[in-house]
Amino acid sequence: MIYLSIVVPVYNESEAIQDTIIRIQKSTSSLSYPCEIIAVNDGSTDNTLSILKKITGITVINNPYNLGYGASLKKGLSAAQGTWVAITDADGTYPIEDLPKLLTHIPEYDMVVGARTGKNVHIPFFRRPAKWIIGKLANFMTGKKIEDINSGMRVFNKTKAMEFFKLYPSGFSFTTTITLAFFTNDYTIRYVPINYFKRIGKSIMGEKPTPKAFKKFLEFITLIFRIIMYFRPLKFFLVPALVLIFAGLIDGIYEVTHAPTGLGDLPVLLLIIGIQTMLIGVLADSLSKK
């Protein structure tokens, strides 16, 4: 019986894929339990597929055309036979040799994530502000410290990951979604510091700010709100509700004590909207728990 499945999504990685698979095989060769490696070729237009077919000891899933990072991971996750699933990228950015270090924390934790906080971390400068904003927002929304919300190197329990299968997007937000889903459902997550290297080959996202990168940033922000709305709607509605109620109270007190006409319509309106917003949150939270 397979205990660990390693899923590798691959798209136009002819320069790095063979080395990546070899490194995975070396890193898992000393493990005491059976493993499998699943490479999902996502409609590569170079010779990635032909390289994969020549590598022995792996399972190759081929998408006839490009479906997306998340879609490839979902295919690999569905095909995985292991109790635990590990994922990593094929571009040489992640220290695959550290995979056994992550595995030492299972089954104590439901998910173990390689946090890109090591001594050697190459993240393009223009991505860092967006990464910081996304991280802070996610920390606030979940009430947990998320050290790396979208690291592509992690190990997780397959059964628990499959609970949220329909929520996983086809694009790059797979890792963000599974992180938020685990945190908001009180599954345990352990972060292990790892390095993060400059990729081999050309990045889809690029090394400089582009309209596409900004669009991805907005998608991440939207995703965080969507996941929190799905699992913890009260957390989403509570802050604006309290702001409206507080603003209404302050404005009402000011008008009663200073305005010649007394209490006006605005503070009453703010209080009503604030209370309604909170009630919507309470109702949504009750429905989400059914």
C-alpha atoms as a PDB file:
ATOM      1  CA  MET A   1       0.000   0.000   0.000  1.00  0.00           C
ATOM      2  CA  ILE A   2       1.302   3.441  -1.003  1.00  0.00           C
ATOM      3  CA  TYR A   3       1.872   5.743   1.966  1.00  0.00           C
ATOM      4  CA  LEU A   4       3.178   8.872   0.181  1.00  0.00           C
ATOM      5  CA  SER A   5       2.347  10.267  -3.252  1.00  0.00           C
ATOM      6  CA  ILE A   6       4.480  13.071  -4.683  1.00  0.00           C
ATOM      7  CA  VAL A   7       2.614  15.128  -7.283  1.00  0.00           C
ATOM      8  CA  VAL A   8       4.544  17.396  -9.643  1.00  0.00           C
ATOM      9  CA  PRO A   9       2.651  19.717 -12.019  1.00  0.00           C
ATOM     10  CA  VAL A  10       4.724  20.343 -15.145  1.00  0.00           C
ATOM     11  CA  TYR A  11       4.371  22.908 -17.909  1.00  0.00           C
ATOM     12  CA  ASN A  12       7.178  23.559 -20.388  1.00  0.00           C
ATOM     13  CA  GLU A  13       9.910  22.485 -17.965  1.00  0.00           C
ATOM     14  CA  SER A  14      12.171  20.582 -20.360  1.00  0.00           C
ATOM     15  CA  GLU A  15      15.255  22.245 -18.842  1.00  0.00           C
ATOM     16  CA  ALA A  16      14.549  21.154 -15.270  1.00  0.00           C
ATOM     17  CA  ILE A  17      12.080  18.270 -15.145  1.00  0.00           C
ATOM     18  CA  GLN A  18      14.520  15.363 -15.386  1.00  0.00           C
ATOM     19  CA  ASP A  19      16.735  16.776 -12.649  1.00  0.00           C
ATOM     20  CA  THR A  20      13.656  17.447 -10.506  1.00  0.00           C
ATOM     21  CA  ILE A  21      12.434  13.848 -10.763  1.00  0.00           C
ATOM     22  CA  ILE A  22      15.912  12.458 -10.060  1.00  0.00           C
ATOM     23  CA  ARG A  23      16.189  14.644  -6.949  1.00  0.00           C
ATOM     24  CA  ILE A  24      12.768  13.463  -5.742  1.00  0.00           C
ATOM     25  CA  GLN A  25      13.759   9.836  -6.263  1.00  0.00           C
ATOM     26  CA  LYS A  26      17.002  10.331  -4.335  1.00  0.00           C
ATOM     27  CA  SER A  27      15.244  12.179  -1.509  1.00  0.00           C
ATOM     28  CA  THR A  28      12.648   9.441  -1.054  1.00  0.00           C
ATOM     29  CA  SER A  29      14.923   6.424  -1.606  1.00  0.00           C
ATOM     30  CA  SER A  30      15.833   6.202   2.090  1.00  0.00           C
ATOM     31  CA  LEU A  31      12.243   6.386   3.350  1.00  0.00           C
ATOM     32  CA  SER A  32      10.933   3.270   5.070  1.00  0.00           C
ATOM     33  CA  TYR A  33       7.515   3.361   3.409  1.00  0.00           C
ATOM     34  CA  PRO A  34       6.367   2.950  -0.219  1.00  0.00           C
ATOM     35  CA  CYS A  35       6.088   6.085  -2.346  1.00  0.00           C
ATOM     36  CA  GLU A  36       4.914   7.008  -5.824  1.00  0.00           C
ATOM     37  CA  ILE A  37       5.774   9.956  -8.051  1.00  0.00           C
ATOM     38  CA  ILE A  38       3.063  11.428 -10.274  1.00  0.00           C
ATOM     39  CA  ALA A  39       4.075  13.971 -12.911  1.00  0.00           C
ATOM     40  CA  VAL A  40       1.182  15.860 -14.502  1.00  0.00           C
ATOM     41  CA  ASN A  41       2.161  17.326 -17.843  1.00  0.00           C
ATOM     42  CA  ASP A  42      -0.120  20.306 -18.374  1.00  0.00           C
ATOM     43  CA  GLY A  43      -0.170  20.453 -22.169  1.00  0.00           C
ATOM     44  CA  SER A  44       3.488  21.411 -22.539  1.00  0.00           C
ATOM     45  CA  THR A  45       4.423  22.715 -25.982  1.00  0.00           C
ATOM     46  CA  ASP A  46       8.120  21.812 -25.690  1.00  0.00           C
ATOM     47  CA  ASN A  47       9.578  18.300 -25.324  1.00  0.00           C
ATOM     48  CA  THR A  48       8.693  17.952 -21.626  1.00  0.00           C
ATOM     49  CA  LEU A  49       6.301  15.052 -22.260  1.00  0.00           C
ATOM     50  CA  SER A  50       8.852  13.036 -24.241  1.00  0.00           C
ATOM     51  CA  ILE A  51      11.379  13.511 -21.417  1.00  0.00           C
ATOM     52  CA  LEU A  52       8.854  12.350 -18.821  1.00  0.00           C
ATOM     53  CA  LYS A  53       8.003   9.219 -20.807  1.00  0.00           C
ATOM     54  CA  LYS A  54      11.661   8.174 -20.744  1.00  0.00           C
ATOM     55  CA  ILE A  55      11.945   8.412 -16.952  1.00  0.00           C
ATOM     56  CA  THR A  56      11.344   5.098 -15.197  1.00  0.00           C
ATOM     57  CA  GLY A  57       9.558   4.628 -11.899  1.00  0.00           C
ATOM     58  CA  ILE A  58       7.017   7.421 -12.258  1.00  0.00           C
ATOM     59  CA  THR A  59       3.393   7.794 -13.335  1.00  0.00           C
ATOM     60  CA  VAL A  60       2.759  10.365 -16.069  1.00  0.00           C
ATOM     61  CA  ILE A  61      -0.612  12.041 -16.507  1.00  0.00           C
ATOM     62  CA  ASN A  62      -0.922  14.104 -19.668  1.00  0.00           C
ATOM     63  CA  ASN A  63      -3.331  16.976 -20.193  1.00  0.00           C
ATOM     64  CA  PRO A  64      -3.897  17.325 -23.963  1.00  0.00           C
ATOM     65  CA  TYR A  65      -3.812  21.104 -23.541  1.00  0.00           C
ATOM     66  CA  ASN A  66      -3.033  23.583 -20.771  1.00  0.00           C
ATOM     67  CA  LEU A  67      -5.599  23.435 -17.952  1.00  0.00           C
ATOM     68  CA  GLY A  68      -3.735  25.316 -15.235  1.00  0.00           C
ATOM     69  CA  TYR A  69      -1.567  24.686 -12.176  1.00  0.00           C
ATOM     70  CA  GLY A  70      -4.481  23.928  -9.872  1.00  0.00           C
ATOM     71  CA  ALA A  71      -6.214  21.705 -12.408  1.00  0.00           C
ATOM     72  CA  SER A  72      -3.035  19.639 -12.774  1.00  0.00           C
ATOM     73  CA  LEU A  73      -2.670  19.300  -9.002  1.00  0.00           C
ATOM     74  CA  LYS A  74      -6.297  18.190  -8.744  1.00  0.00           C
ATOM     75  CA  LYS A  75      -5.704  15.507 -11.366  1.00  0.00           C
ATOM     76  CA  GLY A  76      -2.642  14.317  -9.491  1.00  0.00           C
ATOM     77  CA  LEU A  77      -4.499  14.429  -6.184  1.00  0.00           C
ATOM     78  CA  SER A  78      -7.353  12.348  -7.590  1.00  0.00           C
ATOM     79  CA  ALA A  79      -4.934   9.768  -8.972  1.00  0.00           C
ATOM     80  CA  ALA A  80      -2.759   9.623  -5.837  1.00  0.00           C
ATOM     81  CA  GLN A  81      -2.933   6.335  -3.937  1.00  0.00           C
ATOM     82  CA  GLY A  82      -1.041   7.548  -0.887  1.00  0.00           C
ATOM     83  CA  THR A  83      -2.445   8.367   2.521  1.00  0.00           C
ATOM     84  CA  TRP A  84      -0.297  11.490   2.356  1.00  0.00           C
ATOM     85  CA  VAL A  85       0.339  13.707  -0.677  1.00  0.00           C
ATOM     86  CA  ALA A  86       3.370  15.917  -1.244  1.00  0.00           C
ATOM     87  CA  ILE A  87       3.530  18.566  -3.951  1.00  0.00           C
ATOM     88  CA  THR A  88       6.459  20.482  -5.388  1.00  0.00           C
ATOM     89  CA  ASP A  89       7.224  22.464  -8.522  1.00  0.00           C
ATOM     90  CA  ALA A  90       9.272  21.224 -11.445  1.00  0.00           C
ATOM     91  CA  ASP A  91      11.321  24.379 -12.059  1.00  0.00           C
ATOM     92  CA  GLY A  92      14.152  23.876  -9.560  1.00  0.00           C
ATOM     93  CA  THR A  93      12.961  26.564  -7.139  1.00  0.00           C
ATOM     94  CA  TYR A  94      12.229  24.309  -4.167  1.00  0.00           C
ATOM     95  CA  PRO A  95      14.841  22.355  -2.155  1.00  0.00           C
ATOM     96  CA  ILE A  96      13.424  18.890  -2.768  1.00  0.00           C
ATOM     97  CA  GLU A  97      16.171  17.454  -0.582  1.00  0.00           C
ATOM     98  CA  ASP A  98      14.298  18.974   2.386  1.00  0.00           C
ATOM     99  CA  LEU A  99      11.213  16.851   1.734  1.00  0.00           C
ATOM    100  CA  PRO A 100      12.242  14.213   4.345  1.00  0.00           C
ATOM    101  CA  LYS A 101      12.512  17.081   6.862  1.00  0.00           C
ATOM    102  CA  LEU A 102       8.868  17.957   6.222  1.00  0.00           C
ATOM    103  CA  LEU A 103       7.839  14.315   6.453  1.00  0.00           C
ATOM    104  CA  THR A 104       9.174  13.995  10.000  1.00  0.00           C
ATOM    105  CA  HIS A 105       6.165  16.041  11.175  1.00  0.00           C
ATOM    106  CA  ILE A 106       3.493  13.674   9.838  1.00  0.00           C
ATOM    107  CA  PRO A 107       1.112  12.278  10.981  1.00  0.00           C
ATOM    108  CA  GLU A 108       1.320  14.646  13.967  1.00  0.00           C
ATOM    109  CA  TYR A 109       0.169  17.527  11.725  1.00  0.00           C
ATOM    110  CA  ASP A 110      -2.483  17.471   9.017  1.00  0.00           C
ATOM    111  CA  MET A 111      -0.316  19.586   6.726  1.00  0.00           C
ATOM    112  CA  VAL A 112       3.385  20.477   6.723  1.00  0.00           C
ATOM    113  CA  VAL A 113       4.435  23.441   4.588  1.00  0.00           C
ATOM    114  CA  GLY A 114       7.878  24.486   3.450  1.00  0.00           C
ATOM    115  CA  ALA A 115       7.922  28.177   4.367  1.00  0.00           C
ATOM    116  CA  ARG A 116      10.175  30.219   2.107  1.00  0.00           C
ATOM    117  CA  THR A 117      11.903  31.926   5.010  1.00  0.00           C
ATOM    118  CA  GLY A 118      15.310  30.253   4.852  1.00  0.00           C
ATOM    119  CA  LYS A 119      18.709  31.893   4.371  1.00  0.00           C
ATOM    120  CA  ASN A 120      18.598  31.665   0.585  1.00  0.00           C
ATOM    121  CA  VAL A 121      15.255  32.932  -0.713  1.00  0.00           C
ATOM    122  CA  HIS A 122      14.887  34.342  -4.216  1.00  0.00           C
ATOM    123  CA  ILE A 123      11.540  36.109  -4.577  1.00  0.00           C
ATOM    124  CA  PRO A 124      11.384  38.910  -7.193  1.00  0.00           C
ATOM    125  CA  PHE A 125      11.327  42.283  -5.434  1.00  0.00           C
ATOM    126  CA  PHE A 126       8.092  43.453  -7.058  1.00  0.00           C
ATOM    127  CA  ARG A 127       6.211  40.438  -5.649  1.00  0.00           C
ATOM    128  CA  ARG A 128       7.214  41.050  -2.042  1.00  0.00           C
ATOM    129  CA  PRO A 129       4.801  43.929  -1.229  1.00  0.00           C
ATOM    130  CA  ALA A 130       1.885  41.940  -2.685  1.00  0.00           C
ATOM    131  CA  LYS A 131       2.981  38.837  -0.791  1.00  0.00           C
ATOM    132  CA  TRP A 132       3.173  40.854   2.456  1.00  0.00           C
ATOM    133  CA  ILE A 133      -0.301  42.361   1.969  1.00  0.00           C
ATOM    134  CA  ILE A 134      -1.848  38.992   1.146  1.00  0.00           C
ATOM    135  CA  GLY A 135      -0.145  37.403   4.154  1.00  0.00           C
ATOM    136  CA  LYS A 136      -1.290  40.089   6.600  1.00  0.00           C
ATOM    137  CA  LEU A 137      -4.864  39.962   5.309  1.00  0.00           C
ATOM    138  CA  ALA A 138      -4.941  36.172   5.573  1.00  0.00           C
ATOM    139  CA  ASN A 139      -3.494  36.312   9.097  1.00  0.00           C
ATOM    140  CA  PHE A 140      -6.196  38.741  10.181  1.00  0.00           C
ATOM    141  CA  MET A 141      -9.022  36.828   8.542  1.00  0.00           C
ATOM    142  CA  THR A 142      -8.019  33.417   9.911  1.00  0.00           C
ATOM    143  CA  GLY A 143      -6.710  34.583  13.285  1.00  0.00           C
ATOM    144  CA  LYS A 144      -3.600  32.452  12.702  1.00  0.00           C
ATOM    145  CA  LYS A 145      -0.015  33.250  11.758  1.00  0.00           C
ATOM    146  CA  ILE A 146       0.440  32.077   8.190  1.00  0.00           C
ATOM    147  CA  GLU A 147       4.154  32.091   7.457  1.00  0.00           C
ATOM    148  CA  ASP A 148       3.813  31.295   3.745  1.00  0.00           C
ATOM    149  CA  ILE A 149       0.304  31.161   2.332  1.00  0.00           C
ATOM    150  CA  ASN A 150       1.109  29.882  -1.160  1.00  0.00           C
ATOM    151  CA  SER A 151       4.253  27.798  -0.871  1.00  0.00           C
ATOM    152  CA  GLY A 152       4.267  25.121  -3.573  1.00  0.00           C
ATOM    153  CA  MET A 153       6.168  22.600  -1.444  1.00  0.00           C
ATOM    154  CA  ARG A 154       4.007  20.896   1.171  1.00  0.00           C
ATOM    155  CA  VAL A 155       2.714  17.567   2.471  1.00  0.00           C
ATOM    156  CA  PHE A 156      -0.893  17.012   3.500  1.00  0.00           C
ATOM    157  CA  ASN A 157      -3.375  14.331   4.454  1.00  0.00           C
ATOM    158  CA  LYS A 158      -5.207  13.268   1.293  1.00  0.00           C
ATOM    159  CA  THR A 159      -8.533  12.455   2.942  1.00  0.00           C
ATOM    160  CA  LYS A 160      -8.753  15.873   4.558  1.00  0.00           C
ATOM    161  CA  ALA A 161      -7.607  17.639   1.397  1.00  0.00           C
ATOM    162  CA  MET A 162     -10.327  15.910  -0.614  1.00  0.00           C
ATOM    163  CA  GLU A 163     -12.998  17.446   1.635  1.00  0.00           C
ATOM    164  CA  PHE A 164     -12.430  20.774  -0.128  1.00  0.00           C
ATOM    165  CA  PHE A 165     -11.815  19.415  -3.635  1.00  0.00           C
ATOM    166  CA  LYS A 166     -14.624  21.414  -5.254  1.00  0.00           C
ATOM    167  CA  LEU A 167     -13.177  24.644  -3.879  1.00  0.00           C
ATOM    168  CA  TYR A 168      -9.742  24.258  -5.485  1.00  0.00           C
ATOM    169  CA  PRO A 169      -9.370  26.594  -8.483  1.00  0.00           C
ATOM    170  CA  SER A 170      -7.713  25.592 -11.733  1.00  0.00           C
ATOM    171  CA  GLY A 171      -5.142  28.401 -11.544  1.00  0.00           C
ATOM    172  CA  PHE A 172      -2.301  29.327  -9.226  1.00  0.00           C
ATOM    173  CA  SER A 173      -4.543  29.780  -6.186  1.00  0.00           C
ATOM    174  CA  PHE A 174      -4.647  26.072  -5.307  1.00  0.00           C
ATOM    175  CA  THR A 175      -2.062  26.397  -2.532  1.00  0.00           C
ATOM    176  CA  THR A 176      -3.692  29.507  -1.070  1.00  0.00           C
ATOM    177  CA  THR A 177      -7.088  27.800  -1.061  1.00  0.00           C
ATOM    178  CA  ILE A 178      -5.923  24.614   0.653  1.00  0.00           C
ATOM    179  CA  THR A 179      -4.055  26.672   3.275  1.00  0.00           C
ATOM    180  CA  LEU A 180      -7.111  28.747   4.143  1.00  0.00           C
ATOM    181  CA  ALA A 181      -9.414  25.724   4.034  1.00  0.00           C
ATOM    182  CA  PHE A 182      -7.250  23.811   6.524  1.00  0.00           C
ATOM    183  CA  PHE A 183      -6.849  26.793   8.869  1.00  0.00           C
ATOM    184  CA  THR A 184     -10.538  27.743   8.889  1.00  0.00           C
ATOM    185  CA  ASN A 185     -11.519  24.141   9.639  1.00  0.00           C
ATOM    186  CA  ASP A 186      -9.069  23.859  12.532  1.00  0.00           C
ATOM    187  CA  TYR A 187      -6.802  21.306  10.885  1.00  0.00           C
ATOM    188  CA  THR A 188      -3.234  21.502  12.138  1.00  0.00           C
ATOM    189  CA  ILE A 189      -0.463  23.026  10.028  1.00  0.00           C
ATOM    190  CA  ARG A 190       3.280  23.073  10.697  1.00  0.00           C
ATOM    191  CA  TYR A 191       5.689  25.422   8.908  1.00  0.00           C
ATOM    192  CA  VAL A 192       9.272  24.366   8.237  1.00  0.00           C
ATOM    193  CA  PRO A 193      11.764  26.989   6.939  1.00  0.00           C
ATOM    194  CA  ILE A 194      13.197  26.198   3.509  1.00  0.00           C
ATOM    195  CA  ASN A 195      15.229  28.005   0.875  1.00  0.00           C
ATOM    196  CA  TYR A 196      13.759  29.136  -2.436  1.00  0.00           C
ATOM    197  CA  PHE A 197      15.965  29.382  -5.513  1.00  0.00           C
ATOM    198  CA  LYS A 198      15.785  31.206  -8.820  1.00  0.00           C
ATOM    199  CA  ARG A 199      13.820  29.104 -11.239  1.00  0.00           C
ATOM    200  CA  ILE A 200      15.328  27.254 -14.175  1.00  0.00           C
ATOM    201  CA  GLY A 201      13.819  28.490 -17.417  1.00  0.00           C
ATOM    202  CA  LYS A 202      11.280  31.239 -18.040  1.00  0.00           C
ATOM    203  CA  SER A 203       8.625  32.079 -15.463  1.00  0.00           C
ATOM    204  CA  ILE A 204       4.986  32.371 -16.492  1.00  0.00           C
ATOM    205  CA  MET A 205       4.556  35.242 -14.028  1.00  0.00           C
ATOM    206  CA  GLY A 206       7.792  36.928 -15.085  1.00  0.00           C
ATOM    207  CA  GLU A 207      10.402  38.733 -13.007  1.00  0.00           C
ATOM    208  CA  LYS A 208       8.961  42.246 -13.477  1.00  0.00           C
ATOM    209  CA  PRO A 209       5.587  43.820 -12.638  1.00  0.00           C
ATOM    210  CA  THR A 210       2.998  43.304 -15.381  1.00  0.00           C
ATOM    211  CA  PRO A 211      -0.778  43.777 -15.717  1.00  0.00           C
ATOM    212  CA  LYS A 212      -1.076  39.981 -15.485  1.00  0.00           C
ATOM    213  CA  ALA A 213       0.790  39.923 -12.167  1.00  0.00           C
ATOM    214  CA  PHE A 214      -1.442  42.700 -10.782  1.00  0.00           C
ATOM    215  CA  LYS A 215      -4.509  40.748 -11.889  1.00  0.00           C
ATOM    216  CA  LYS A 216      -3.202  37.700 -10.025  1.00  0.00           C
ATOM    217  CA  PHE A 217      -2.721  39.830  -6.907  1.00  0.00           C
ATOM    218  CA  LEU A 218      -6.359  40.961  -7.044  1.00  0.00           C
ATOM    219  CA  GLU A 219      -7.439  37.354  -7.558  1.00  0.00           C
ATOM    220  CA  PHE A 220      -5.563  36.316  -4.396  1.00  0.00           C
ATOM    221  CA  ILE A 221      -7.278  39.067  -2.374  1.00  0.00           C
ATOM    222  CA  THR A 222     -10.690  38.058  -3.729  1.00  0.00           C
ATOM    223  CA  LEU A 223      -9.941  34.420  -2.980  1.00  0.00           C
ATOM    224  CA  ILE A 224      -9.118  35.148   0.666  1.00  0.00           C
ATOM    225  CA  PHE A 225     -12.446  36.935   1.142  1.00  0.00           C
ATOM    226  CA  ARG A 226     -14.297  34.155  -0.688  1.00  0.00           C
ATOM    227  CA  ILE A 227     -12.816  31.376   1.464  1.00  0.00           C
ATOM    228  CA  ILE A 228     -13.437  33.281   4.705  1.00  0.00           C
ATOM    229  CA  MET A 229     -17.000  33.997   3.539  1.00  0.00           C
ATOM    230  CA  TYR A 230     -17.454  30.285   2.867  1.00  0.00           C
ATOM    231  CA  PHE A 231     -16.095  28.942   6.162  1.00  0.00           C
ATOM    232  CA  ARG A 232     -16.216  31.857   8.638  1.00  0.00           C
ATOM    233  CA  PRO A 233     -18.677  34.470   7.357  1.00  0.00           C
ATOM    234  CA  LEU A 234     -19.096  36.107  10.769  1.00  0.00           C
ATOM    235  CA  LYS A 235     -15.403  37.026  10.710  1.00  0.00           C
ATOM    236  CA  PHE A 236     -15.969  38.695   7.339  1.00  0.00           C
ATOM    237  CA  PHE A 237     -19.051  40.702   8.369  1.00  0.00           C
ATOM    238  CA  LEU A 238     -18.036  41.539  11.934  1.00  0.00           C
ATOM    239  CA  VAL A 239     -15.392  44.168  11.177  1.00  0.00           C
ATOM    240  CA  PRO A 240     -17.460  46.368   8.832  1.00  0.00           C
ATOM    241  CA  ALA A 241     -20.469  45.950  11.165  1.00  0.00           C
ATOM    242  CA  LEU A 242     -18.514  47.183  14.186  1.00  0.00           C
ATOM    243  CA  VAL A 243     -17.016  50.060  12.188  1.00  0.00           C
ATOM    244  CA  LEU A 244     -20.483  51.199  11.091  1.00  0.00           C
ATOM    245  CA  ILE A 245     -21.927  50.860  14.603  1.00  0.00           C
ATOM    246  CA  PHE A 246     -18.987  52.699  16.179  1.00  0.00           C
ATOM    247  CA  ALA A 247     -19.179  55.466  13.560  1.00  0.00           C
ATOM    248  CA  GLY A 248     -22.905  55.805  14.156  1.00  0.00           C
ATOM    249  CA  LEU A 249     -22.465  56.058  17.925  1.00  0.00           C
ATOM    250  CA  ILE A 250     -19.675  58.648  17.692  1.00  0.00           C
ATOM    251  CA  ASP A 251     -21.559  60.746  15.148  1.00  0.00           C
ATOM    252  CA  GLY A 252     -24.776  60.441  17.179  1.00  0.00           C
ATOM    253  CA  ILE A 253     -23.111  61.560  20.411  1.00  0.00           C
ATOM    254  CA  TYR A 254     -21.481  64.478  18.602  1.00  0.00           C
ATOM    255  CA  GLU A 255     -24.753  65.620  17.035  1.00  0.00           C
ATOM    256  CA  VAL A 256     -26.704  65.338  20.309  1.00  0.00           C
ATOM    257  CA  THR A 257     -24.102  67.354  22.220  1.00  0.00           C
ATOM    258  CA  HIS A 258     -23.054  69.878  19.564  1.00  0.00           C
ATOM    259  CA  ALA A 259     -25.503  70.103  16.678  1.00  0.00           C
ATOM    260  CA  PRO A 260     -28.270  72.720  17.106  1.00  0.00           C
ATOM    261  CA  THR A 261     -30.815  70.446  15.432  1.00  0.00           C
ATOM    262  CA  GLY A 262     -29.982  67.456  17.640  1.00  0.00           C
ATOM    263  CA  LEU A 263     -29.754  63.896  16.411  1.00  0.00           C
ATOM    264  CA  GLY A 264     -29.829  63.627  12.619  1.00  0.00           C
ATOM    265  CA  ASP A 265     -30.513  60.806  10.162  1.00  0.00           C
ATOM    266  CA  LEU A 266     -26.925  59.767   9.409  1.00  0.00           C
ATOM    267  CA  PRO A 267     -25.944  58.220  12.776  1.00  0.00           C
ATOM    268  CA  VAL A 268     -29.249  56.336  12.950  1.00  0.00           C
ATOM    269  CA  LEU A 269     -28.708  55.040   9.419  1.00  0.00           C
ATOM    270  CA  LEU A 270     -25.149  53.938  10.244  1.00  0.00           C
ATOM    271  CA  LEU A 271     -26.360  52.080  13.343  1.00  0.00           C
ATOM    272  CA  ILE A 272     -29.134  50.325  11.440  1.00  0.00           C
ATOM    273  CA  ILE A 273     -26.821  49.266   8.593  1.00  0.00           C
ATOM    274  CA  GLY A 274     -24.193  48.121  11.102  1.00  0.00           C
ATOM    275  CA  ILE A 275     -26.669  46.009  13.062  1.00  0.00           C
ATOM    276  CA  GLN A 276     -28.099  44.534   9.860  1.00  0.00           C
ATOM    277  CA  THR A 277     -24.597  43.670   8.637  1.00  0.00           C
ATOM    278  CA  MET A 278     -23.854  41.899  11.908  1.00  0.00           C
ATOM    279  CA  LEU A 279     -27.135  39.974  11.755  1.00  0.00           C
ATOM    280  CA  ILE A 280     -26.337  38.871   8.194  1.00  0.00           C
ATOM    281  CA  GLY A 281     -22.995  37.605   9.450  1.00  0.00           C
ATOM    282  CA  VAL A 282     -24.620  35.695  12.308  1.00  0.00           C
ATOM    283  CA  LEU A 283     -27.152  34.110   9.928  1.00  0.00           C
ATOM    284  CA  ALA A 284     -24.471  33.205   7.364  1.00  0.00           C
ATOM    285  CA  ASP A 285     -22.283  31.744  10.110  1.00  0.00           C
ATOM    286  CA  SER A 286     -25.176  29.569  11.337  1.00  0.00           C
ATOM    287  CA  LEU A 287     -25.843  28.329   7.792  1.00  0.00           C
ATOM    288  CA  SER A 288     -22.164  27.554   7.171  1.00  0.00           C
ATOM    289  CA  LYS A 289     -22.086  25.216  10.163  1.00  0.00           C
ATOM    290  CA  LYS A 290     -25.002  23.090   8.952  1.00  0.00           C
END
